[in-house]
Structures are given as structure tokens and as C-alpha cells.
Amino acid sequence: MVSSVQDLVGLQALSRDGDKIGTVKDVICGPGSPAAECLVIKYSMFRDLVVPADVAERQGQNVTLPFTRSFLDVAPRVATKGQLSDSDRARLESFYHPSAT
């Protein structure tokens, strides 16, 4: 995904089916890097999703994720502020990129 980190905040997040799943509320950058590592998406009133930025595709004022809402419903819950811990990074990687592990 090629974009300025600040440009992503406020974009609507859509499922692969085009359903609105939330709004990008923050971006988590990798250690020592200004590049987006993960997007924090306001998913529901009580839940934020943390999704690797490399799976998202920006399309105008939207970010499309290649997943269904039911898949995202069971996504791992991780800290949404600061940097990701190594264990959270590993949990996200195995969930969103299962063939890479």
C-alpha cells in the first residue's frame, strides 16, 4: 500500500464484498520506520481491529480488505496504541497470512 500514513486516518474500511466495516482511526508504524505496519480500524462501538497494512488496498476514500466480515469477527485482539509487541505481531501474522507461517 503506497500512501502517506496521515492520509489513511479517516478513510472508510470495506470488506472484500464492499460492506462497510469501519473507519481507519490510527496507524501503527513499525519499529524505527515511518511506514504503516498496521491499520487500526474502528470496527464496532467496543472493538477496534488491528490489520496489517500490506493486506489493505486504498481505493479513493476507501481502504478495502480482502476478507469477509465474518472472518474479521474472529480476528485476534491486540493493543491498539504504540508499537506492537513481538507476540502480537506473530498472532496477527499467523491470522492474516496463514500460509507464511
PDB file of N, CA and C in Angstrom:
ATOM      1  N   MET A   1       0.863  -1.165   0.000  1.00  0.00           N
ATOM      2  CA  MET A   1       0.000   0.000   0.000  1.00  0.00           C
ATOM      3  C   MET A   1       0.909   1.227   0.000  1.00  0.00           C
ATOM      4  N   VAL A   2       0.763   2.083  -0.985  1.00  0.00           N
ATOM      5  CA  VAL A   2       1.576   3.273  -1.073  1.00  0.00           C
ATOM      6  C   VAL A   2       0.715   4.465  -0.708  1.00  0.00           C
ATOM      7  N   SER A   3       1.040   5.105   0.394  1.00  0.00           N
ATOM      8  CA  SER A   3       0.269   6.263   0.843  1.00  0.00           C
ATOM      9  C   SER A   3       0.946   6.864   2.054  1.00  0.00           C
ATOM     10  N   SER A   4       0.692   8.142   2.276  1.00  0.00           N
ATOM     11  CA  SER A   4       1.186   8.771   3.491  1.00  0.00           C
ATOM     12  C   SER A   4       0.384   8.215   4.663  1.00  0.00           C
ATOM     13  N   VAL A   5       1.062   8.004   5.759  1.00  0.00           N
ATOM     14  CA  VAL A   5       0.402   7.450   6.938  1.00  0.00           C
ATOM     15  C   VAL A   5      -0.791   8.311   7.354  1.00  0.00           C
ATOM     16  N   GLN A   6      -0.618   9.617   7.395  1.00  0.00           N
ATOM     17  CA  GLN A   6      -1.700  10.508   7.822  1.00  0.00           C
ATOM     18  C   GLN A   6      -2.875  10.498   6.857  1.00  0.00           C
ATOM     19  N   ASP A   7      -2.630  10.205   5.585  1.00  0.00           N
ATOM     20  CA  ASP A   7      -3.706  10.159   4.592  1.00  0.00           C
ATOM     21  C   ASP A   7      -4.680   9.011   4.834  1.00  0.00           C
ATOM     22  N   LEU A   8      -4.264   8.011   5.586  1.00  0.00           N
ATOM     23  CA  LEU A   8      -5.108   6.838   5.801  1.00  0.00           C
ATOM     24  C   LEU A   8      -6.146   7.042   6.896  1.00  0.00           C
ATOM     25  N   VAL A   9      -5.823   7.862   7.888  1.00  0.00           N
ATOM     26  CA  VAL A   9      -6.737   8.087   9.011  1.00  0.00           C
ATOM     27  C   VAL A   9      -8.001   8.782   8.499  1.00  0.00           C
ATOM     28  N   GLY A  10      -9.149   8.209   8.863  1.00  0.00           N
ATOM     29  CA  GLY A  10     -10.436   8.764   8.459  1.00  0.00           C
ATOM     30  C   GLY A  10     -11.058   8.082   7.257  1.00  0.00           C
ATOM     31  N   LEU A  11     -10.286   7.239   6.558  1.00  0.00           N
ATOM     32  CA  LEU A  11     -10.849   6.533   5.415  1.00  0.00           C
ATOM     33  C   LEU A  11     -11.803   5.443   5.871  1.00  0.00           C
ATOM     34  N   GLN A  12     -12.817   5.167   5.062  1.00  0.00           N
ATOM     35  CA  GLN A  12     -13.735   4.076   5.369  1.00  0.00           C
ATOM     36  C   GLN A  12     -13.070   2.762   4.992  1.00  0.00           C
ATOM     37  N   ALA A  13     -13.266   1.742   5.814  1.00  0.00           N
ATOM     38  CA  ALA A  13     -12.741   0.414   5.546  1.00  0.00           C
ATOM     39  C   ALA A  13     -13.889  -0.467   5.069  1.00  0.00           C
ATOM     40  N   LEU A  14     -13.648  -1.172   3.970  1.00  0.00           N
ATOM     41  CA  LEU A  14     -14.656  -2.032   3.373  1.00  0.00           C
ATOM     42  C   LEU A  14     -14.172  -3.472   3.352  1.00  0.00           C
ATOM     43  N   SER A  15     -15.114  -4.414   3.439  1.00  0.00           N
ATOM     44  CA  SER A  15     -14.784  -5.830   3.285  1.00  0.00           C
ATOM     45  C   SER A  15     -14.598  -6.119   1.804  1.00  0.00           C
ATOM     46  N   ARG A  16     -14.165  -7.317   1.500  1.00  0.00           N
ATOM     47  CA  ARG A  16     -13.989  -7.683   0.087  1.00  0.00           C
ATOM     48  C   ARG A  16     -15.314  -7.685  -0.659  1.00  0.00           C
ATOM     49  N   ASP A  17     -16.431  -7.792   0.086  1.00  0.00           N
ATOM     50  CA  ASP A  17     -17.762  -7.774  -0.511  1.00  0.00           C
ATOM     51  C   ASP A  17     -18.307  -6.362  -0.668  1.00  0.00           C
ATOM     52  N   GLY A  18     -17.526  -5.354  -0.241  1.00  0.00           N
ATOM     53  CA  GLY A  18     -17.958  -3.969  -0.351  1.00  0.00           C
ATOM     54  C   GLY A  18     -18.766  -3.467   0.829  1.00  0.00           C
ATOM     55  N   ASP A  19     -18.911  -4.292   1.880  1.00  0.00           N
ATOM     56  CA  ASP A  19     -19.635  -3.877   3.085  1.00  0.00           C
ATOM     57  C   ASP A  19     -18.747  -2.972   3.927  1.00  0.00           C
ATOM     58  N   LYS A  20     -19.319  -1.894   4.469  1.00  0.00           N
ATOM     59  CA  LYS A  20     -18.562  -1.020   5.361  1.00  0.00           C
ATOM     60  C   LYS A  20     -18.310  -1.766   6.667  1.00  0.00           C
ATOM     61  N   ILE A  21     -17.037  -1.793   7.067  1.00  0.00           N
ATOM     62  CA  ILE A  21     -16.706  -2.462   8.320  1.00  0.00           C
ATOM     63  C   ILE A  21     -16.210  -1.495   9.374  1.00  0.00           C
ATOM     64  N   GLY A  22     -15.935  -0.266   8.991  1.00  0.00           N
ATOM     65  CA  GLY A  22     -15.489   0.713   9.972  1.00  0.00           C
ATOM     66  C   GLY A  22     -14.718   1.848   9.334  1.00  0.00           C
ATOM     67  N   THR A  23     -13.970   2.559  10.178  1.00  0.00           N
ATOM     68  CA  THR A  23     -13.183   3.704   9.759  1.00  0.00           C
ATOM     69  C   THR A  23     -11.772   3.568  10.310  1.00  0.00           C
ATOM     70  N   VAL A  24     -10.772   3.888   9.496  1.00  0.00           N
ATOM     71  CA  VAL A  24      -9.389   3.856   9.959  1.00  0.00           C
ATOM     72  C   VAL A  24      -9.222   4.979  10.973  1.00  0.00           C
ATOM     73  N   LYS A  25      -8.887   4.607  12.211  1.00  0.00           N
ATOM     74  CA  LYS A  25      -8.756   5.625  13.255  1.00  0.00           C
ATOM     75  C   LYS A  25      -7.321   5.894  13.653  1.00  0.00           C
ATOM     76  N   ASP A  26      -6.403   5.001  13.270  1.00  0.00           N
ATOM     77  CA  ASP A  26      -4.997   5.205  13.614  1.00  0.00           C
ATOM     78  C   ASP A  26      -4.148   4.288  12.745  1.00  0.00           C
ATOM     79  N   VAL A  27      -2.856   4.558  12.750  1.00  0.00           N
ATOM     80  CA  VAL A  27      -1.887   3.747  12.029  1.00  0.00           C
ATOM     81  C   VAL A  27      -0.759   3.424  12.996  1.00  0.00           C
ATOM     82  N   ILE A  28      -0.347   2.176  13.016  1.00  0.00           N
ATOM     83  CA  ILE A  28       0.782   1.754  13.840  1.00  0.00           C
ATOM     84  C   ILE A  28       1.965   1.562  12.899  1.00  0.00           C
ATOM     85  N   CYS A  29       3.055   2.247  13.188  1.00  0.00           N
ATOM     86  CA  CYS A  29       4.262   2.148  12.362  1.00  0.00           C
ATOM     87  C   CYS A  29       5.207   1.125  12.968  1.00  0.00           C
ATOM     88  N   GLY A  30       6.022   0.529  12.119  1.00  0.00           N
ATOM     89  CA  GLY A  30       6.995  -0.453  12.576  1.00  0.00           C
ATOM     90  C   GLY A  30       8.098   0.201  13.370  1.00  0.00           C
ATOM     91  N   PRO A  31       8.846  -0.590  14.154  1.00  0.00           N
ATOM     92  CA  PRO A  31       9.940  -0.042  14.954  1.00  0.00           C
ATOM     93  C   PRO A  31      10.980   0.656  14.070  1.00  0.00           C
ATOM     94  N   GLY A  32      11.245   1.924  14.360  1.00  0.00           N
ATOM     95  CA  GLY A  32      12.245   2.683  13.624  1.00  0.00           C
ATOM     96  C   GLY A  32      11.877   2.996  12.185  1.00  0.00           C
ATOM     97  N   SER A  33      10.601   2.901  11.849  1.00  0.00           N
ATOM     98  CA  SER A  33      10.175   3.137  10.470  1.00  0.00           C
ATOM     99  C   SER A  33       8.954   4.047  10.439  1.00  0.00           C
ATOM    100  N   PRO A  34       8.897   4.978   9.483  1.00  0.00           N
ATOM    101  CA  PRO A  34       7.714   5.822   9.354  1.00  0.00           C
ATOM    102  C   PRO A  34       6.605   5.153   8.533  1.00  0.00           C
ATOM    103  N   ALA A  35       6.884   3.958   8.003  1.00  0.00           N
ATOM    104  CA  ALA A  35       5.904   3.264   7.169  1.00  0.00           C
ATOM    105  C   ALA A  35       4.824   2.603   8.022  1.00  0.00           C
ATOM    106  N   ALA A  36       3.614   2.559   7.484  1.00  0.00           N
ATOM    107  CA  ALA A  36       2.496   1.922   8.179  1.00  0.00           C
ATOM    108  C   ALA A  36       2.737   0.422   8.273  1.00  0.00           C
ATOM    109  N   GLU A  37       2.699  -0.107   9.491  1.00  0.00           N
ATOM    110  CA  GLU A  37       2.797  -1.548   9.691  1.00  0.00           C
ATOM    111  C   GLU A  37       1.392  -2.140   9.792  1.00  0.00           C
ATOM    112  N   CYS A  38       0.521  -1.462  10.543  1.00  0.00           N
ATOM    113  CA  CYS A  38      -0.850  -1.928  10.724  1.00  0.00           C
ATOM    114  C   CYS A  38      -1.815  -0.747  10.741  1.00  0.00           C
ATOM    115  N   LEU A  39      -3.046  -1.024  10.362  1.00  0.00           N
ATOM    116  CA  LEU A  39      -4.123  -0.047  10.455  1.00  0.00           C
ATOM    117  C   LEU A  39      -4.985  -0.411  11.651  1.00  0.00           C
ATOM    118  N   VAL A  40      -5.421   0.589  12.394  1.00  0.00           N
ATOM    119  CA  VAL A  40      -6.370   0.382  13.491  1.00  0.00           C
ATOM    120  C   VAL A  40      -7.717   0.859  12.963  1.00  0.00           C
ATOM    121  N   ILE A  41      -8.665  -0.058  12.909  1.00  0.00           N
ATOM    122  CA  ILE A  41      -9.975   0.232  12.340  1.00  0.00           C
ATOM    123  C   ILE A  41     -11.031   0.176  13.432  1.00  0.00           C
ATOM    124  N   LYS A  42     -11.804   1.250  13.557  1.00  0.00           N
ATOM    125  CA  LYS A  42     -12.936   1.273  14.492  1.00  0.00           C
ATOM    126  C   LYS A  42     -13.991   0.345  13.916  1.00  0.00           C
ATOM    127  N   TYR A  43     -14.099  -0.846  14.494  1.00  0.00           N
ATOM    128  CA  TYR A  43     -14.918  -1.927  13.956  1.00  0.00           C
ATOM    129  C   TYR A  43     -16.334  -1.915  14.517  1.00  0.00           C
ATOM    130  N   SER A  44     -16.443  -1.635  15.783  1.00  0.00           N
ATOM    131  CA  SER A  44     -17.752  -1.543  16.436  1.00  0.00           C
ATOM    132  C   SER A  44     -17.602  -0.601  17.624  1.00  0.00           C
ATOM    133  N   MET A  45     -18.674  -0.396  18.331  1.00  0.00           N
ATOM    134  CA  MET A  45     -18.627   0.534  19.458  1.00  0.00           C
ATOM    135  C   MET A  45     -17.576   0.136  20.492  1.00  0.00           C
ATOM    136  N   PHE A  46     -17.374  -1.159  20.672  1.00  0.00           N
ATOM    137  CA  PHE A  46     -16.472  -1.628  21.721  1.00  0.00           C
ATOM    138  C   PHE A  46     -15.242  -2.362  21.196  1.00  0.00           C
ATOM    139  N   ARG A  47     -15.004  -2.290  19.887  1.00  0.00           N
ATOM    140  CA  ARG A  47     -13.885  -3.070  19.356  1.00  0.00           C
ATOM    141  C   ARG A  47     -13.178  -2.358  18.213  1.00  0.00           C
ATOM    142  N   ASP A  48     -11.862  -2.395  18.281  1.00  0.00           N
ATOM    143  CA  ASP A  48     -11.020  -1.935  17.181  1.00  0.00           C
ATOM    144  C   ASP A  48     -10.303  -3.150  16.605  1.00  0.00           C
ATOM    145  N   LEU A  49     -10.116  -3.147  15.302  1.00  0.00           N
ATOM    146  CA  LEU A  49      -9.344  -4.189  14.635  1.00  0.00           C
ATOM    147  C   LEU A  49      -7.955  -3.651  14.328  1.00  0.00           C
ATOM    148  N   VAL A  50      -6.972  -4.494  14.448  1.00  0.00           N
ATOM    149  CA  VAL A  50      -5.621  -4.165  14.006  1.00  0.00           C
ATOM    150  C   VAL A  50      -5.338  -5.098  12.834  1.00  0.00           C
ATOM    151  N   VAL A  51      -5.121  -4.481  11.658  1.00  0.00           N
ATOM    152  CA  VAL A  51      -4.967  -5.232  10.416  1.00  0.00           C
ATOM    153  C   VAL A  51      -3.645  -4.830   9.763  1.00  0.00           C
ATOM    154  N   PRO A  52      -2.837  -5.801   9.332  1.00  0.00           N
ATOM    155  CA  PRO A  52      -1.589  -5.446   8.650  1.00  0.00           C
ATOM    156  C   PRO A  52      -1.860  -4.550   7.434  1.00  0.00           C
ATOM    157  N   ALA A  53      -1.078  -3.502   7.293  1.00  0.00           N
ATOM    158  CA  ALA A  53      -1.276  -2.552   6.202  1.00  0.00           C
ATOM    159  C   ALA A  53      -1.055  -3.193   4.839  1.00  0.00           C
ATOM    160  N   ASP A  54      -0.226  -4.235   4.778  1.00  0.00           N
ATOM    161  CA  ASP A  54       0.075  -4.833   3.473  1.00  0.00           C
ATOM    162  C   ASP A  54      -1.092  -5.615   2.872  1.00  0.00           C
ATOM    163  N   VAL A  55      -2.147  -5.878   3.640  1.00  0.00           N
ATOM    164  CA  VAL A  55      -3.315  -6.567   3.074  1.00  0.00           C
ATOM    165  C   VAL A  55      -4.370  -5.582   2.581  1.00  0.00           C
ATOM    166  N   ALA A  56      -4.236  -4.320   2.952  1.00  0.00           N
ATOM    167  CA  ALA A  56      -5.228  -3.304   2.597  1.00  0.00           C
ATOM    168  C   ALA A  56      -4.889  -2.674   1.251  1.00  0.00           C
ATOM    169  N   GLU A  57      -5.934  -2.321   0.524  1.00  0.00           N
ATOM    170  CA  GLU A  57      -5.751  -1.644  -0.757  1.00  0.00           C
ATOM    171  C   GLU A  57      -6.557  -0.359  -0.749  1.00  0.00           C
ATOM    172  N   ARG A  58      -5.859   0.748  -0.937  1.00  0.00           N
ATOM    173  CA  ARG A  58      -6.550   2.038  -0.967  1.00  0.00           C
ATOM    174  C   ARG A  58      -7.216   2.233  -2.316  1.00  0.00           C
ATOM    175  N   GLN A  59      -8.490   2.627  -2.256  1.00  0.00           N
ATOM    176  CA  GLN A  59      -9.264   2.912  -3.462  1.00  0.00           C
ATOM    177  C   GLN A  59     -10.022   4.204  -3.221  1.00  0.00           C
ATOM    178  N   GLY A  60      -9.430   5.325  -3.606  1.00  0.00           N
ATOM    179  CA  GLY A  60     -10.054   6.628  -3.386  1.00  0.00           C
ATOM    180  C   GLY A  60     -10.138   6.941  -1.906  1.00  0.00           C
ATOM    181  N   GLN A  61     -11.348   7.147  -1.400  1.00  0.00           N
ATOM    182  CA  GLN A  61     -11.559   7.463   0.016  1.00  0.00           C
ATOM    183  C   GLN A  61     -11.864   6.223   0.844  1.00  0.00           C
ATOM    184  N   ASN A  62     -11.563   5.051   0.303  1.00  0.00           N
ATOM    185  CA  ASN A  62     -11.808   3.795   0.993  1.00  0.00           C
ATOM    186  C   ASN A  62     -10.537   2.964   1.067  1.00  0.00           C
ATOM    187  N   VAL A  63     -10.521   2.061   2.032  1.00  0.00           N
ATOM    188  CA  VAL A  63      -9.498   1.037   2.144  1.00  0.00           C
ATOM    189  C   VAL A  63     -10.248  -0.288   2.102  1.00  0.00           C
ATOM    190  N   THR A  64      -9.901  -1.144   1.147  1.00  0.00           N
ATOM    191  CA  THR A  64     -10.573  -2.433   1.020  1.00  0.00           C
ATOM    192  C   THR A  64      -9.684  -3.532   1.575  1.00  0.00           C
ATOM    193  N   LEU A  65     -10.280  -4.384   2.407  1.00  0.00           N
ATOM    194  CA  LEU A  65      -9.583  -5.531   2.978  1.00  0.00           C
ATOM    195  C   LEU A  65     -10.070  -6.785   2.270  1.00  0.00           C
ATOM    196  N   PRO A  66      -9.200  -7.733   1.978  1.00  0.00           N
ATOM    197  CA  PRO A  66      -9.589  -8.931   1.233  1.00  0.00           C
ATOM    198  C   PRO A  66     -10.241 -10.004   2.111  1.00  0.00           C
ATOM    199  N   PHE A  67     -11.078  -9.585   3.044  1.00  0.00           N
ATOM    200  CA  PHE A  67     -11.697 -10.508   3.993  1.00  0.00           C
ATOM    201  C   PHE A  67     -13.191 -10.221   4.106  1.00  0.00           C
ATOM    202  N   THR A  68     -13.934 -11.207   4.580  1.00  0.00           N
ATOM    203  CA  THR A  68     -15.355 -11.017   4.863  1.00  0.00           C
ATOM    204  C   THR A  68     -15.510 -10.514   6.294  1.00  0.00           C
ATOM    205  N   ARG A  69     -16.670  -9.971   6.586  1.00  0.00           N
ATOM    206  CA  ARG A  69     -16.961  -9.514   7.944  1.00  0.00           C
ATOM    207  C   ARG A  69     -16.892 -10.679   8.934  1.00  0.00           C
ATOM    208  N   SER A  70     -17.380 -11.851   8.551  1.00  0.00           N
ATOM    209  CA  SER A  70     -17.353 -12.994   9.475  1.00  0.00           C
ATOM    210  C   SER A  70     -15.920 -13.419   9.800  1.00  0.00           C
ATOM    211  N   PHE A  71     -15.000 -13.301   8.852  1.00  0.00           N
ATOM    212  CA  PHE A  71     -13.589 -13.586   9.119  1.00  0.00           C
ATOM    213  C   PHE A  71     -13.034 -12.576  10.118  1.00  0.00           C
ATOM    214  N   LEU A  72     -13.344 -11.294   9.911  1.00  0.00           N
ATOM    215  CA  LEU A  72     -12.836 -10.244  10.792  1.00  0.00           C
ATOM    216  C   LEU A  72     -13.440 -10.317  12.193  1.00  0.00           C
ATOM    217  N   ASP A  73     -14.636 -10.883  12.319  1.00  0.00           N
ATOM    218  CA  ASP A  73     -15.267 -11.030  13.636  1.00  0.00           C
ATOM    219  C   ASP A  73     -14.415 -11.844  14.594  1.00  0.00           C
ATOM    220  N   VAL A  74     -13.605 -12.752  14.077  1.00  0.00           N
ATOM    221  CA  VAL A  74     -12.795 -13.625  14.940  1.00  0.00           C
ATOM    222  C   VAL A  74     -11.309 -13.246  14.928  1.00  0.00           C
ATOM    223  N   ALA A  75     -10.998 -12.064  14.414  1.00  0.00           N
ATOM    224  CA  ALA A  75      -9.608 -11.598  14.375  1.00  0.00           C
ATOM    225  C   ALA A  75      -9.051 -11.438  15.785  1.00  0.00           C
ATOM    226  N   PRO A  76      -7.747 -11.662  15.958  1.00  0.00           N
ATOM    227  CA  PRO A  76      -7.149 -11.518  17.287  1.00  0.00           C
ATOM    228  C   PRO A  76      -7.252 -10.085  17.800  1.00  0.00           C
ATOM    229  N   ARG A  77      -7.426  -9.967  19.092  1.00  0.00           N
ATOM    230  CA  ARG A  77      -7.444  -8.655  19.748  1.00  0.00           C
ATOM    231  C   ARG A  77      -6.045  -8.362  20.249  1.00  0.00           C
ATOM    232  N   VAL A  78      -5.524  -7.227  19.836  1.00  0.00           N
ATOM    233  CA  VAL A  78      -4.182  -6.812  20.260  1.00  0.00           C
ATOM    234  C   VAL A  78      -4.233  -5.348  20.661  1.00  0.00           C
ATOM    235  N   ALA A  79      -3.172  -4.888  21.314  1.00  0.00           N
ATOM    236  CA  ALA A  79      -3.082  -3.488  21.727  1.00  0.00           C
ATOM    237  C   ALA A  79      -3.155  -2.587  20.504  1.00  0.00           C
ATOM    238  N   THR A  80      -3.856  -1.465  20.648  1.00  0.00           N
ATOM    239  CA  THR A  80      -4.053  -0.567  19.504  1.00  0.00           C
ATOM    240  C   THR A  80      -3.276   0.738  19.630  1.00  0.00           C
ATOM    241  N   LYS A  81      -2.435   0.856  20.619  1.00  0.00           N
ATOM    242  CA  LYS A  81      -1.622   2.070  20.816  1.00  0.00           C
ATOM    243  C   LYS A  81      -0.150   1.697  20.852  1.00  0.00           C
ATOM    244  N   GLY A  82       0.683   2.616  20.380  1.00  0.00           N
ATOM    245  CA  GLY A  82       2.121   2.390  20.430  1.00  0.00           C
ATOM    246  C   GLY A  82       2.568   1.367  19.413  1.00  0.00           C
ATOM    247  N   GLN A  83       3.632   0.670  19.720  1.00  0.00           N
ATOM    248  CA  GLN A  83       4.149  -0.360  18.823  1.00  0.00           C
ATOM    249  C   GLN A  83       3.620  -1.723  19.234  1.00  0.00           C
ATOM    250  N   LEU A  84       3.561  -2.621  18.282  1.00  0.00           N
ATOM    251  CA  LEU A  84       3.117  -3.979  18.563  1.00  0.00           C
ATOM    252  C   LEU A  84       4.204  -4.765  19.278  1.00  0.00           C
ATOM    253  N   SER A  85       3.789  -5.598  20.205  1.00  0.00           N
ATOM    254  CA  SER A  85       4.755  -6.496  20.838  1.00  0.00           C
ATOM    255  C   SER A  85       5.085  -7.600  19.830  1.00  0.00           C
ATOM    256  N   ASP A  86       6.166  -8.299  20.065  1.00  0.00           N
ATOM    257  CA  ASP A  86       6.543  -9.397  19.176  1.00  0.00           C
ATOM    258  C   ASP A  86       5.461 -10.474  19.148  1.00  0.00           C
ATOM    259  N   SER A  87       4.858 -10.767  20.304  1.00  0.00           N
ATOM    260  CA  SER A  87       3.823 -11.813  20.335  1.00  0.00           C
ATOM    261  C   SER A  87       2.565 -11.354  19.593  1.00  0.00           C
ATOM    262  N   ASP A  88       2.172 -10.075  19.727  1.00  0.00           N
ATOM    263  CA  ASP A  88       1.017  -9.577  18.972  1.00  0.00           C
ATOM    264  C   ASP A  88       1.293  -9.586  17.479  1.00  0.00           C
ATOM    265  N   ARG A  89       2.500  -9.198  17.102  1.00  0.00           N
ATOM    266  CA  ARG A  89       2.887  -9.202  15.690  1.00  0.00           C
ATOM    267  C   ARG A  89       2.795 -10.623  15.139  1.00  0.00           C
ATOM    268  N   ALA A  90       3.260 -11.613  15.889  1.00  0.00           N
ATOM    269  CA  ALA A  90       3.213 -13.013  15.459  1.00  0.00           C
ATOM    270  C   ALA A  90       1.766 -13.507  15.349  1.00  0.00           C
ATOM    271  N   ARG A  91       0.903 -13.132  16.299  1.00  0.00           N
ATOM    272  CA  ARG A  91      -0.509 -13.535  16.246  1.00  0.00           C
ATOM    273  C   ARG A  91      -1.194 -12.957  15.019  1.00  0.00           C
ATOM    274  N   LEU A  92      -0.945 -11.684  14.728  1.00  0.00           N
ATOM    275  CA  LEU A  92      -1.538 -11.059  13.543  1.00  0.00           C
ATOM    276  C   LEU A  92      -1.022 -11.719  12.267  1.00  0.00           C
ATOM    277  N   GLU A  93       0.264 -11.963  12.227  1.00  0.00           N
ATOM    278  CA  GLU A  93       0.868 -12.588  11.040  1.00  0.00           C
ATOM    279  C   GLU A  93       0.254 -13.962  10.772  1.00  0.00           C
ATOM    280  N   SER A  94       0.109 -14.781  11.803  1.00  0.00           N
ATOM    281  CA  SER A  94      -0.437 -16.130  11.594  1.00  0.00           C
ATOM    282  C   SER A  94      -1.920 -16.093  11.242  1.00  0.00           C
ATOM    283  N   PHE A  95      -2.642 -15.069  11.678  1.00  0.00           N
ATOM    284  CA  PHE A  95      -4.069 -14.968  11.360  1.00  0.00           C
ATOM    285  C   PHE A  95      -4.278 -14.433   9.937  1.00  0.00           C
ATOM    286  N   TYR A  96      -3.622 -13.335   9.605  1.00  0.00           N
ATOM    287  CA  TYR A  96      -3.850 -12.681   8.312  1.00  0.00           C
ATOM    288  C   TYR A  96      -2.998 -13.243   7.172  1.00  0.00           C
ATOM    289  N   HIS A  97      -1.900 -13.922   7.493  1.00  0.00           N
ATOM    290  CA  HIS A  97      -1.019 -14.522   6.484  1.00  0.00           C
ATOM    291  C   HIS A  97      -0.722 -15.981   6.881  1.00  0.00           C
ATOM    292  N   PRO A  98      -1.728 -16.829   6.965  1.00  0.00           N
ATOM    293  CA  PRO A  98      -1.503 -18.194   7.478  1.00  0.00           C
ATOM    294  C   PRO A  98      -0.525 -19.019   6.655  1.00  0.00           C
ATOM    295  N   SER A  99      -0.430 -18.783   5.360  1.00  0.00           N
ATOM    296  CA  SER A  99       0.483 -19.590   4.538  1.00  0.00           C
ATOM    297  C   SER A  99       1.939 -19.180   4.729  1.00  0.00           C
ATOM    298  N   ALA A 100       2.167 -18.007   5.323  1.00  0.00           N
ATOM    299  CA  ALA A 100       3.539 -17.529   5.522  1.00  0.00           C
ATOM    300  C   ALA A 100       4.170 -18.103   6.775  1.00  0.00           C
ATOM    301  N   THR A 101       3.374 -18.727   7.636  1.00  0.00           N
ATOM    302  CA  THR A 101       3.949 -19.262   8.881  1.00  0.00           C
ATOM    303  C   THR A 101       4.224 -20.725   8.782  1.00  0.00           C
TER     304      THR A 101
END
